[in-house]
Amino acid sequence: MYMEFLEQKTLTTSPEEYKPKLWKRYVDDILEVLKRDAVEGFTEHLNSIDETGSIKFTYEMEHKGSLRSGTFS
């Protein structure tokens, strides 16, 4: 239930330039599609929603047909 709350708050308060084109969640895994230059900003926005600081969102990006975690240039 708490993840549902975070999801709704995130999507309604997200700046327009970060809004995902696709958002699918299964338990605590989320698949989202957004512009490559919005990934870091949207992840920061996600992490700012949980005021307890106990939930941290990370991301994986496609690179040459494979997923990679972290921050990339």
PDB file of N, CA and C in Angstrom:
ATOM      1  N   MET A   1       0.814  -1.194   0.000  1.00  0.00           N
ATOM      2  CA  MET A   1       0.000   0.000   0.000  1.00  0.00           C
ATOM      3  C   MET A   1       0.859   1.260   0.000  1.00  0.00           C
ATOM      4  N   TYR A   2       1.955   1.203   0.735  1.00  0.00           N
ATOM      5  CA  TYR A   2       2.799   2.385   0.803  1.00  0.00           C
ATOM      6  C   TYR A   2       3.423   2.687  -0.564  1.00  0.00           C
ATOM      7  N   MET A   3       3.808   1.643  -1.286  1.00  0.00           N
ATOM      8  CA  MET A   3       4.369   1.856  -2.624  1.00  0.00           C
ATOM      9  C   MET A   3       3.330   2.492  -3.540  1.00  0.00           C
ATOM     10  N   GLU A   4       2.080   2.105  -3.398  1.00  0.00           N
ATOM     11  CA  GLU A   4       0.995   2.723  -4.181  1.00  0.00           C
ATOM     12  C   GLU A   4       0.900   4.210  -3.859  1.00  0.00           C
ATOM     13  N   PHE A   5       0.990   4.552  -2.571  1.00  0.00           N
ATOM     14  CA  PHE A   5       0.956   5.942  -2.145  1.00  0.00           C
ATOM     15  C   PHE A   5       2.128   6.724  -2.765  1.00  0.00           C
ATOM     16  N   LEU A   6       3.350   6.152  -2.662  1.00  0.00           N
ATOM     17  CA  LEU A   6       4.520   6.821  -3.235  1.00  0.00           C
ATOM     18  C   LEU A   6       4.380   6.996  -4.747  1.00  0.00           C
ATOM     19  N   GLU A   7       3.865   5.963  -5.397  1.00  0.00           N
ATOM     20  CA  GLU A   7       3.671   6.017  -6.844  1.00  0.00           C
ATOM     21  C   GLU A   7       2.734   7.158  -7.235  1.00  0.00           C
ATOM     22  N   GLN A   8       1.605   7.243  -6.592  1.00  0.00           N
ATOM     23  CA  GLN A   8       0.631   8.287  -6.919  1.00  0.00           C
ATOM     24  C   GLN A   8       1.196   9.679  -6.642  1.00  0.00           C
ATOM     25  N   LYS A   9       1.863   9.830  -5.506  1.00  0.00           N
ATOM     26  CA  LYS A   9       2.441  11.132  -5.157  1.00  0.00           C
ATOM     27  C   LYS A   9       3.544  11.521  -6.148  1.00  0.00           C
ATOM     28  N   THR A  10       4.361  10.553  -6.518  1.00  0.00           N
ATOM     29  CA  THR A  10       5.443  10.802  -7.471  1.00  0.00           C
ATOM     30  C   THR A  10       4.909  11.268  -8.813  1.00  0.00           C
ATOM     31  N   LEU A  11       3.947  10.536  -9.346  1.00  0.00           N
ATOM     32  CA  LEU A  11       3.446  10.843 -10.684  1.00  0.00           C
ATOM     33  C   LEU A  11       2.654  12.151 -10.734  1.00  0.00           C
ATOM     34  N   THR A  12       1.979  12.495  -9.652  1.00  0.00           N
ATOM     35  CA  THR A  12       1.199  13.737  -9.660  1.00  0.00           C
ATOM     36  C   THR A  12       2.059  14.972  -9.387  1.00  0.00           C
ATOM     37  N   THR A  13       3.211  14.798  -8.744  1.00  0.00           N
ATOM     38  CA  THR A  13       4.056  15.951  -8.416  1.00  0.00           C
ATOM     39  C   THR A  13       5.291  16.061  -9.313  1.00  0.00           C
ATOM     40  N   SER A  14       5.470  15.125 -10.211  1.00  0.00           N
ATOM     41  CA  SER A  14       6.643  15.135 -11.084  1.00  0.00           C
ATOM     42  C   SER A  14       6.615  16.322 -12.042  1.00  0.00           C
ATOM     43  N   PRO A  15       7.757  17.004 -12.192  1.00  0.00           N
ATOM     44  CA  PRO A  15       7.825  18.064 -13.205  1.00  0.00           C
ATOM     45  C   PRO A  15       7.529  17.482 -14.585  1.00  0.00           C
ATOM     46  N   GLU A  16       6.901  18.252 -15.425  1.00  0.00           N
ATOM     47  CA  GLU A  16       6.471  17.781 -16.744  1.00  0.00           C
ATOM     48  C   GLU A  16       7.623  17.195 -17.566  1.00  0.00           C
ATOM     49  N   GLU A  17       8.809  17.788 -17.477  1.00  0.00           N
ATOM     50  CA  GLU A  17       9.935  17.292 -18.286  1.00  0.00           C
ATOM     51  C   GLU A  17      10.462  15.934 -17.822  1.00  0.00           C
ATOM     52  N   TYR A  18      10.057  15.472 -16.631  1.00  0.00           N
ATOM     53  CA  TYR A  18      10.493  14.176 -16.111  1.00  0.00           C
ATOM     54  C   TYR A  18       9.424  13.098 -16.208  1.00  0.00           C
ATOM     55  N   LYS A  19       8.200  13.457 -16.525  1.00  0.00           N
ATOM     56  CA  LYS A  19       7.107  12.477 -16.514  1.00  0.00           C
ATOM     57  C   LYS A  19       7.402  11.307 -17.444  1.00  0.00           C
ATOM     58  N   PRO A  20       7.258  10.074 -16.918  1.00  0.00           N
ATOM     59  CA  PRO A  20       7.514   8.902 -17.767  1.00  0.00           C
ATOM     60  C   PRO A  20       6.426   8.695 -18.814  1.00  0.00           C
ATOM     61  N   LYS A  21       6.835   8.118 -19.952  1.00  0.00           N
ATOM     62  CA  LYS A  21       5.884   7.771 -21.006  1.00  0.00           C
ATOM     63  C   LYS A  21       5.146   6.491 -20.632  1.00  0.00           C
ATOM     64  N   LEU A  22       5.813   5.624 -19.859  1.00  0.00           N
ATOM     65  CA  LEU A  22       5.242   4.367 -19.418  1.00  0.00           C
ATOM     66  C   LEU A  22       5.659   4.125 -17.982  1.00  0.00           C
ATOM     67  N   TRP A  23       4.744   3.650 -17.154  1.00  0.00           N
ATOM     68  CA  TRP A  23       5.036   3.334 -15.754  1.00  0.00           C
ATOM     69  C   TRP A  23       4.292   2.056 -15.405  1.00  0.00           C
ATOM     70  N   LYS A  24       5.017   0.998 -15.099  1.00  0.00           N
ATOM     71  CA  LYS A  24       4.426  -0.280 -14.699  1.00  0.00           C
ATOM     72  C   LYS A  24       5.133  -0.753 -13.441  1.00  0.00           C
ATOM     73  N   ARG A  25       4.342  -1.156 -12.430  1.00  0.00           N
ATOM     74  CA  ARG A  25       4.922  -1.623 -11.169  1.00  0.00           C
ATOM     75  C   ARG A  25       4.402  -3.008 -10.852  1.00  0.00           C
ATOM     76  N   TYR A  26       5.292  -3.869 -10.375  1.00  0.00           N
ATOM     77  CA  TYR A  26       4.930  -5.177  -9.852  1.00  0.00           C
ATOM     78  C   TYR A  26       5.628  -5.311  -8.507  1.00  0.00           C
ATOM     79  N   VAL A  27       4.862  -5.290  -7.429  1.00  0.00           N
ATOM     80  CA  VAL A  27       5.343  -5.303  -6.051  1.00  0.00           C
ATOM     81  C   VAL A  27       6.296  -4.126  -5.857  1.00  0.00           C
ATOM     82  N   ASP A  28       7.611  -4.361  -5.822  1.00  0.00           N
ATOM     83  CA  ASP A  28       8.537  -3.247  -5.625  1.00  0.00           C
ATOM     84  C   ASP A  28       9.473  -3.036  -6.808  1.00  0.00           C
ATOM     85  N   ASP A  29       9.144  -3.627  -7.945  1.00  0.00           N
ATOM     86  CA  ASP A  29       9.903  -3.398  -9.171  1.00  0.00           C
ATOM     87  C   ASP A  29       9.092  -2.499 -10.097  1.00  0.00           C
ATOM     88  N   ILE A  30       9.751  -1.543 -10.718  1.00  0.00           N
ATOM     89  CA  ILE A  30       9.075  -0.596 -11.595  1.00  0.00           C
ATOM     90  C   ILE A  30       9.778  -0.567 -12.942  1.00  0.00           C
ATOM     91  N   LEU A  31       8.978  -0.631 -13.988  1.00  0.00           N
ATOM     92  CA  LEU A  31       9.479  -0.436 -15.343  1.00  0.00           C
ATOM     93  C   LEU A  31       8.936   0.909 -15.795  1.00  0.00           C
ATOM     94  N   GLU A  32       9.829   1.789 -16.181  1.00  0.00           N
ATOM     95  CA  GLU A  32       9.398   3.090 -16.672  1.00  0.00           C
ATOM     96  C   GLU A  32      10.163   3.435 -17.929  1.00  0.00           C
ATOM     97  N   VAL A  33       9.512   4.155 -18.786  1.00  0.00           N
ATOM     98  CA  VAL A  33      10.134   4.625 -20.018  1.00  0.00           C
ATOM     99  C   VAL A  33      10.068   6.143 -19.995  1.00  0.00           C
ATOM    100  N   LEU A  34      11.251   6.771 -20.087  1.00  0.00           N
ATOM    101  CA  LEU A  34      11.302   8.219 -20.139  1.00  0.00           C
ATOM    102  C   LEU A  34      12.502   8.642 -20.959  1.00  0.00           C
ATOM    103  N   LYS A  35      12.566   9.917 -21.246  1.00  0.00           N
ATOM    104  CA  LYS A  35      13.680  10.428 -22.047  1.00  0.00           C
ATOM    105  C   LYS A  35      14.997  10.215 -21.301  1.00  0.00           C
ATOM    106  N   ARG A  36      16.025   9.891 -22.060  1.00  0.00           N
ATOM    107  CA  ARG A  36      17.336   9.597 -21.468  1.00  0.00           C
ATOM    108  C   ARG A  36      17.848  10.751 -20.599  1.00  0.00           C
ATOM    109  N   ASP A  37      17.634  11.980 -21.027  1.00  0.00           N
ATOM    110  CA  ASP A  37      18.137  13.117 -20.249  1.00  0.00           C
ATOM    111  C   ASP A  37      17.282  13.427 -19.018  1.00  0.00           C
ATOM    112  N   ALA A  38      16.184  12.699 -18.809  1.00  0.00           N
ATOM    113  CA  ALA A  38      15.322  12.912 -17.648  1.00  0.00           C
ATOM    114  C   ALA A  38      15.544  11.870 -16.557  1.00  0.00           C
ATOM    115  N   VAL A  39      16.373  10.868 -16.810  1.00  0.00           N
ATOM    116  CA  VAL A  39      16.538   9.747 -15.874  1.00  0.00           C
ATOM    117  C   VAL A  39      17.046  10.200 -14.515  1.00  0.00           C
ATOM    118  N   GLU A  40      18.134  10.929 -14.484  1.00  0.00           N
ATOM    119  CA  GLU A  40      18.698  11.345 -13.197  1.00  0.00           C
ATOM    120  C   GLU A  40      17.761  12.278 -12.444  1.00  0.00           C
ATOM    121  N   GLY A  41      17.162  13.230 -13.137  1.00  0.00           N
ATOM    122  CA  GLY A  41      16.234  14.161 -12.485  1.00  0.00           C
ATOM    123  C   GLY A  41      15.012  13.453 -11.933  1.00  0.00           C
ATOM    124  N   PHE A  42      14.469  12.501 -12.694  1.00  0.00           N
ATOM    125  CA  PHE A  42      13.293  11.767 -12.218  1.00  0.00           C
ATOM    126  C   PHE A  42      13.658  10.870 -11.039  1.00  0.00           C
ATOM    127  N   THR A  43      14.848  10.265 -11.064  1.00  0.00           N
ATOM    128  CA  THR A  43      15.288   9.436  -9.934  1.00  0.00           C
ATOM    129  C   THR A  43      15.442  10.295  -8.679  1.00  0.00           C
ATOM    130  N   GLU A  44      16.000  11.478  -8.820  1.00  0.00           N
ATOM    131  CA  GLU A  44      16.100  12.399  -7.679  1.00  0.00           C
ATOM    132  C   GLU A  44      14.716  12.757  -7.153  1.00  0.00           C
ATOM    133  N   HIS A  45      13.778  13.000  -8.070  1.00  0.00           N
ATOM    134  CA  HIS A  45      12.407  13.311  -7.660  1.00  0.00           C
ATOM    135  C   HIS A  45      11.799  12.128  -6.901  1.00  0.00           C
ATOM    136  N   LEU A  46      11.967  10.926  -7.432  1.00  0.00           N
ATOM    137  CA  LEU A  46      11.462   9.724  -6.747  1.00  0.00           C
ATOM    138  C   LEU A  46      12.016   9.628  -5.334  1.00  0.00           C
ATOM    139  N   ASN A  47      13.308   9.841  -5.187  1.00  0.00           N
ATOM    140  CA  ASN A  47      13.937   9.710  -3.873  1.00  0.00           C
ATOM    141  C   ASN A  47      13.563  10.835  -2.918  1.00  0.00           C
ATOM    142  N   SER A  48      13.043  11.918  -3.422  1.00  0.00           N
ATOM    143  CA  SER A  48      12.630  13.021  -2.540  1.00  0.00           C
ATOM    144  C   SER A  48      11.218  12.814  -1.975  1.00  0.00           C
ATOM    145  N   ILE A  49      10.457  11.906  -2.547  1.00  0.00           N
ATOM    146  CA  ILE A  49       9.067  11.702  -2.135  1.00  0.00           C
ATOM    147  C   ILE A  49       8.959  11.005  -0.776  1.00  0.00           C
ATOM    148  N   ASP A  50       9.792   9.989  -0.534  1.00  0.00           N
ATOM    149  CA  ASP A  50       9.751   9.258   0.739  1.00  0.00           C
ATOM    150  C   ASP A  50      10.462  10.075   1.811  1.00  0.00           C
ATOM    151  N   GLU A  51       9.684  10.692   2.675  1.00  0.00           N
ATOM    152  CA  GLU A  51      10.240  11.585   3.693  1.00  0.00           C
ATOM    153  C   GLU A  51      11.020  10.844   4.770  1.00  0.00           C
ATOM    154  N   THR A  52      10.813   9.523   4.900  1.00  0.00           N
ATOM    155  CA  THR A  52      11.542   8.751   5.908  1.00  0.00           C
ATOM    156  C   THR A  52      12.965   8.453   5.448  1.00  0.00           C
ATOM    157  N   GLY A  53      13.199   8.500   4.132  1.00  0.00           N
ATOM    158  CA  GLY A  53      14.522   8.199   3.596  1.00  0.00           C
ATOM    159  C   GLY A  53      14.859   6.721   3.597  1.00  0.00           C
ATOM    160  N   SER A  54      13.889   5.870   3.909  1.00  0.00           N
ATOM    161  CA  SER A  54      14.163   4.434   3.988  1.00  0.00           C
ATOM    162  C   SER A  54      14.020   3.725   2.645  1.00  0.00           C
ATOM    163  N   ILE A  55      13.416   4.372   1.658  1.00  0.00           N
ATOM    164  CA  ILE A  55      13.265   3.780   0.339  1.00  0.00           C
ATOM    165  C   ILE A  55      14.118   4.580  -0.636  1.00  0.00           C
ATOM    166  N   LYS A  56      15.019   3.895  -1.324  1.00  0.00           N
ATOM    167  CA  LYS A  56      15.884   4.544  -2.306  1.00  0.00           C
ATOM    168  C   LYS A  56      15.659   3.898  -3.664  1.00  0.00           C
ATOM    169  N   PHE A  57      15.397   4.707  -4.646  1.00  0.00           N
ATOM    170  CA  PHE A  57      15.199   4.231  -6.011  1.00  0.00           C
ATOM    171  C   PHE A  57      16.524   4.291  -6.758  1.00  0.00           C
ATOM    172  N   THR A  58      16.770   3.287  -7.568  1.00  0.00           N
ATOM    173  CA  THR A  58      17.939   3.237  -8.447  1.00  0.00           C
ATOM    174  C   THR A  58      17.422   2.995  -9.853  1.00  0.00           C
ATOM    175  N   TYR A  59      18.313   3.004 -10.821  1.00  0.00           N
ATOM    176  CA  TYR A  59      17.871   2.769 -12.191  1.00  0.00           C
ATOM    177  C   TYR A  59      18.897   1.950 -12.958  1.00  0.00           C
ATOM    178  N   GLU A  60      18.404   1.332 -14.003  1.00  0.00           N
ATOM    179  CA  GLU A  60      19.252   0.631 -14.961  1.00  0.00           C
ATOM    180  C   GLU A  60      18.904   1.172 -16.329  1.00  0.00           C
ATOM    181  N   MET A  61      19.935   1.441 -17.124  1.00  0.00           N
ATOM    182  CA  MET A  61      19.718   1.977 -18.467  1.00  0.00           C
ATOM    183  C   MET A  61      20.228   0.990 -19.500  1.00  0.00           C
ATOM    184  N   GLU A  62      19.590   0.987 -20.634  1.00  0.00           N
ATOM    185  CA  GLU A  62      20.016   0.146 -21.748  1.00  0.00           C
ATOM    186  C   GLU A  62      21.256   0.756 -22.367  1.00  0.00           C
ATOM    187  N   HIS A  63      22.251  -0.077 -22.601  1.00  0.00           N
ATOM    188  CA  HIS A  63      23.479   0.356 -23.262  1.00  0.00           C
ATOM    189  C   HIS A  63      23.943  -0.779 -24.156  1.00  0.00           C
ATOM    190  N   LYS A  64      23.879  -0.564 -25.452  1.00  0.00           N
ATOM    191  CA  LYS A  64      24.269  -1.573 -26.441  1.00  0.00           C
ATOM    192  C   LYS A  64      23.540  -2.891 -26.228  1.00  0.00           C
ATOM    193  N   GLY A  65      22.247  -2.817 -25.979  1.00  0.00           N
ATOM    194  CA  GLY A  65      21.411  -4.007 -25.859  1.00  0.00           C
ATOM    195  C   GLY A  65      21.436  -4.681 -24.499  1.00  0.00           C
ATOM    196  N   SER A  66      22.138  -4.105 -23.512  1.00  0.00           N
ATOM    197  CA  SER A  66      22.207  -4.677 -22.161  1.00  0.00           C
ATOM    198  C   SER A  66      21.810  -3.631 -21.142  1.00  0.00           C
ATOM    199  N   LEU A  67      21.354  -4.089 -19.964  1.00  0.00           N
ATOM    200  CA  LEU A  67      21.028  -3.169 -18.878  1.00  0.00           C
ATOM    201  C   LEU A  67      22.254  -2.955 -18.004  1.00  0.00           C
ATOM    202  N   ARG A  68      22.456  -1.693 -17.601  1.00  0.00           N
ATOM    203  CA  ARG A  68      23.545  -1.345 -16.704  1.00  0.00           C
ATOM    204  C   ARG A  68      22.998  -0.466 -15.592  1.00  0.00           C
ATOM    205  N   SER A  69      23.455  -0.674 -14.368  1.00  0.00           N
ATOM    206  CA  SER A  69      23.020   0.117 -13.222  1.00  0.00           C
ATOM    207  C   SER A  69      23.882   1.346 -13.059  1.00  0.00           C
ATOM    208  N   GLY A  70      23.325   2.363 -12.387  1.00  0.00           N
ATOM    209  CA  GLY A  70      24.116   3.506 -11.991  1.00  0.00           C
ATOM    210  C   GLY A  70      23.955   4.728 -12.839  1.00  0.00           C
ATOM    211  N   THR A  71      24.982   5.550 -12.846  1.00  0.00           N
ATOM    212  CA  THR A  71      24.972   6.824 -13.548  1.00  0.00           C
ATOM    213  C   THR A  71      25.930   6.747 -14.726  1.00  0.00           C
ATOM    214  N   PHE A  72      25.504   7.251 -15.861  1.00  0.00           N
ATOM    215  CA  PHE A  72      26.311   7.171 -17.081  1.00  0.00           C
ATOM    216  C   PHE A  72      26.396   8.522 -17.755  1.00  0.00           C
ATOM    217  N   SER A  73      27.447   8.711 -18.503  1.00  0.00           N
ATOM    218  CA  SER A  73      27.615   9.944 -19.278  1.00  0.00           C
ATOM    219  C   SER A  73      27.103   9.719 -20.683  1.00  0.00           C
TER     220      SER A  73
END
